[in-house]
Amino acid sequence: MAADWKALQKAVYQNKLDHRFNVTDVNMEFCHLYGEVGEAYTAWRRNQPGLGSELADVAIYLLGLAEILGLDLEDEVLKKMEINRHRKYATVDGVWRKVEDGDGHSAAGL
């Protein structure tokens, strides 16, 4: 069953309100998100059983941040995936790099 991202965003935000968590300090939310990504990476690197839960925390913070900022994360992800689908990549100086954006423009610096 596919998740309804819009409903998840709203539920995450409501949970923040219900528990009197931060919904105004965007800097703090980015710091928490960064911390959760670090915890997920550590769980993966150490082959710990809580990796799924840590990735869920990353998603929860990301959804909450999107709601705080008034962004429709589902829409943003779908638009970005479409751009990425049309990007062109090639080996440049021995490194696999983006050489053309999804809009047909050459990537900056190449």
C-alpha atoms as a PDB file:
ATOM      1  CA  MET A   1       0.000   0.000   0.000  1.00  0.00           C
ATOM      2  CA  ALA A   2       1.461   3.338  -1.034  1.00  0.00           C
ATOM      3  CA  ALA A   3       1.755   6.019   1.600  1.00  0.00           C
ATOM      4  CA  ASP A   4      -0.114   9.290   1.257  1.00  0.00           C
ATOM      5  CA  TRP A   5       2.773  11.730   1.669  1.00  0.00           C
ATOM      6  CA  LYS A   6       0.519  14.747   2.183  1.00  0.00           C
ATOM      7  CA  ALA A   7      -1.287  12.988   5.029  1.00  0.00           C
ATOM      8  CA  LEU A   8       2.033  11.823   6.494  1.00  0.00           C
ATOM      9  CA  GLN A   9       3.395  15.376   6.447  1.00  0.00           C
ATOM     10  CA  LYS A  10       0.338  16.642   8.267  1.00  0.00           C
ATOM     11  CA  ALA A  11       0.416  13.753  10.774  1.00  0.00           C
ATOM     12  CA  VAL A  12       4.112  14.355  11.533  1.00  0.00           C
ATOM     13  CA  TYR A  13       3.428  18.051  12.050  1.00  0.00           C
ATOM     14  CA  GLN A  14       0.404  17.326  14.265  1.00  0.00           C
ATOM     15  CA  ASN A  15       2.516  14.958  16.359  1.00  0.00           C
ATOM     16  CA  LYS A  16       5.019  17.776  16.825  1.00  0.00           C
ATOM     17  CA  LEU A  17       2.222  20.060  17.996  1.00  0.00           C
ATOM     18  CA  ASP A  18       0.705  17.391  20.252  1.00  0.00           C
ATOM     19  CA  HIS A  19       4.033  16.832  22.009  1.00  0.00           C
ATOM     20  CA  ARG A  20       5.030  20.513  21.997  1.00  0.00           C
ATOM     21  CA  PHE A  21       8.025  19.810  19.769  1.00  0.00           C
ATOM     22  CA  ASN A  22       9.640  22.541  17.722  1.00  0.00           C
ATOM     23  CA  VAL A  23       7.691  23.828  14.725  1.00  0.00           C
ATOM     24  CA  THR A  24       9.309  27.249  14.343  1.00  0.00           C
ATOM     25  CA  ASP A  25      13.104  26.918  14.521  1.00  0.00           C
ATOM     26  CA  VAL A  26      14.086  25.717  11.057  1.00  0.00           C
ATOM     27  CA  ASN A  27      17.792  25.680  11.942  1.00  0.00           C
ATOM     28  CA  MET A  28      17.070  23.291  14.800  1.00  0.00           C
ATOM     29  CA  GLU A  29      15.048  21.011  12.535  1.00  0.00           C
ATOM     30  CA  PHE A  30      17.900  20.813  10.024  1.00  0.00           C
ATOM     31  CA  CYS A  31      20.268  19.949  12.888  1.00  0.00           C
ATOM     32  CA  HIS A  32      17.944  17.186  14.100  1.00  0.00           C
ATOM     33  CA  LEU A  33      17.610  15.865  10.541  1.00  0.00           C
ATOM     34  CA  TYR A  34      21.387  15.850  10.148  1.00  0.00           C
ATOM     35  CA  GLY A  35      21.704  13.991  13.457  1.00  0.00           C
ATOM     36  CA  GLU A  36      19.191  11.358  12.368  1.00  0.00           C
ATOM     37  CA  VAL A  37      21.052  10.814   9.088  1.00  0.00           C
ATOM     38  CA  GLY A  38      24.219  10.318  11.132  1.00  0.00           C
ATOM     39  CA  GLU A  39      22.490   7.794  13.383  1.00  0.00           C
ATOM     40  CA  ALA A  40      21.197   5.896  10.347  1.00  0.00           C
ATOM     41  CA  TYR A  41      24.665   5.844   8.823  1.00  0.00           C
ATOM     42  CA  THR A  42      26.178   4.571  12.064  1.00  0.00           C
ATOM     43  CA  ALA A  43      23.543   1.827  12.313  1.00  0.00           C
ATOM     44  CA  TRP A  44      24.294   0.767   8.730  1.00  0.00           C
ATOM     45  CA  ARG A  45      28.061   0.921   9.162  1.00  0.00           C
ATOM     46  CA  ARG A  46      27.923  -1.141  12.357  1.00  0.00           C
ATOM     47  CA  ASN A  47      25.337  -3.546  10.933  1.00  0.00           C
ATOM     48  CA  GLN A  48      22.962  -2.736  13.796  1.00  0.00           C
ATOM     49  CA  PRO A  49      19.377  -4.027  13.774  1.00  0.00           C
ATOM     50  CA  GLY A  50      17.787  -0.554  14.175  1.00  0.00           C
ATOM     51  CA  LEU A  51      18.629   0.734  10.699  1.00  0.00           C
ATOM     52  CA  GLY A  52      15.013   0.738   9.512  1.00  0.00           C
ATOM     53  CA  SER A  53      13.907   2.707  12.546  1.00  0.00           C
ATOM     54  CA  GLU A  54      16.722   5.219  12.043  1.00  0.00           C
ATOM     55  CA  LEU A  55      15.750   5.695   8.391  1.00  0.00           C
ATOM     56  CA  ALA A  56      12.146   6.191   9.533  1.00  0.00           C
ATOM     57  CA  ASP A  57      13.374   8.955  11.854  1.00  0.00           C
ATOM     58  CA  VAL A  58      15.100  10.611   8.886  1.00  0.00           C
ATOM     59  CA  ALA A  59      11.856  10.472   6.897  1.00  0.00           C
ATOM     60  CA  ILE A  60       9.829  11.818   9.828  1.00  0.00           C
ATOM     61  CA  TYR A  61      12.130  14.790  10.319  1.00  0.00           C
ATOM     62  CA  LEU A  62      12.189  15.453   6.572  1.00  0.00           C
ATOM     63  CA  LEU A  63       8.400  15.323   6.300  1.00  0.00           C
ATOM     64  CA  GLY A  64       8.039  17.569   9.340  1.00  0.00           C
ATOM     65  CA  LEU A  65      10.512  20.083   7.966  1.00  0.00           C
ATOM     66  CA  ALA A  66       8.685  20.155   4.637  1.00  0.00           C
ATOM     67  CA  GLU A  67       5.401  20.849   6.434  1.00  0.00           C
ATOM     68  CA  ILE A  68       6.983  23.584   8.560  1.00  0.00           C
ATOM     69  CA  LEU A  69       8.310  25.208   5.377  1.00  0.00           C
ATOM     70  CA  GLY A  70       5.004  24.836   3.534  1.00  0.00           C
ATOM     71  CA  LEU A  71       6.398  22.506   0.883  1.00  0.00           C
ATOM     72  CA  ASP A  72       4.586  19.575  -0.677  1.00  0.00           C
ATOM     73  CA  LEU A  73       7.410  17.050  -0.410  1.00  0.00           C
ATOM     74  CA  GLU A  74       5.621  14.438  -2.526  1.00  0.00           C
ATOM     75  CA  ASP A  75       5.246  16.947  -5.368  1.00  0.00           C
ATOM     76  CA  GLU A  76       8.868  18.088  -5.002  1.00  0.00           C
ATOM     77  CA  VAL A  77      10.158  14.497  -5.096  1.00  0.00           C
ATOM     78  CA  LEU A  78       8.087  13.648  -8.161  1.00  0.00           C
ATOM     79  CA  LYS A  79       9.300  16.770 -10.010  1.00  0.00           C
ATOM     80  CA  LYS A  80      12.924  16.043  -9.087  1.00  0.00           C
ATOM     81  CA  MET A  81      12.635  12.408 -10.175  1.00  0.00           C
ATOM     82  CA  GLU A  82      11.380  13.555 -13.562  1.00  0.00           C
ATOM     83  CA  ILE A  83      14.349  15.920 -13.911  1.00  0.00           C
ATOM     84  CA  ASN A  84      16.760  13.175 -12.865  1.00  0.00           C
ATOM     85  CA  ARG A  85      15.206  10.736 -15.332  1.00  0.00           C
ATOM     86  CA  HIS A  86      16.211  13.007 -18.194  1.00  0.00           C
ATOM     87  CA  ARG A  87      19.714  13.868 -16.996  1.00  0.00           C
ATOM     88  CA  LYS A  88      22.696  12.662 -18.976  1.00  0.00           C
ATOM     89  CA  TYR A  89      25.798  11.271 -17.294  1.00  0.00           C
ATOM     90  CA  ALA A  90      29.248  10.409 -18.604  1.00  0.00           C
ATOM     91  CA  THR A  91      32.747   9.748 -17.364  1.00  0.00           C
ATOM     92  CA  VAL A  92      34.606  13.052 -17.145  1.00  0.00           C
ATOM     93  CA  ASP A  93      38.223  12.985 -15.981  1.00  0.00           C
ATOM     94  CA  GLY A  94      37.671   9.443 -14.734  1.00  0.00           C
ATOM     95  CA  VAL A  95      34.614  10.360 -12.647  1.00  0.00           C
ATOM     96  CA  TRP A  96      30.974   9.538 -13.439  1.00  0.00           C
ATOM     97  CA  ARG A  97      29.319  12.972 -13.591  1.00  0.00           C
ATOM     98  CA  LYS A  98      26.194  14.747 -14.685  1.00  0.00           C
ATOM     99  CA  VAL A  99      26.931  16.352 -18.074  1.00  0.00           C
ATOM    100  CA  GLU A 100      23.453  17.586 -18.946  1.00  0.00           C
ATOM    101  CA  ASP A 101      20.578  18.647 -16.694  1.00  0.00           C
ATOM    102  CA  GLY A 102      17.143  17.181 -17.217  1.00  0.00           C
ATOM    103  CA  ASP A 103      16.185  20.351 -19.099  1.00  0.00           C
ATOM    104  CA  GLY A 104      18.792  19.797 -21.818  1.00  0.00           C
ATOM    105  CA  HIS A 105      21.301  22.352 -20.489  1.00  0.00           C
ATOM    106  CA  SER A 106      24.915  21.445 -19.928  1.00  0.00           C
ATOM    107  CA  ALA A 107      25.841  20.928 -16.300  1.00  0.00           C
ATOM    108  CA  ALA A 108      27.706  23.850 -14.722  1.00  0.00           C
ATOM    109  CA  GLY A 109      31.461  23.662 -14.843  1.00  0.00           C
ATOM    110  CA  LEU A 110      31.651  21.121 -17.669  1.00  0.00           C
END
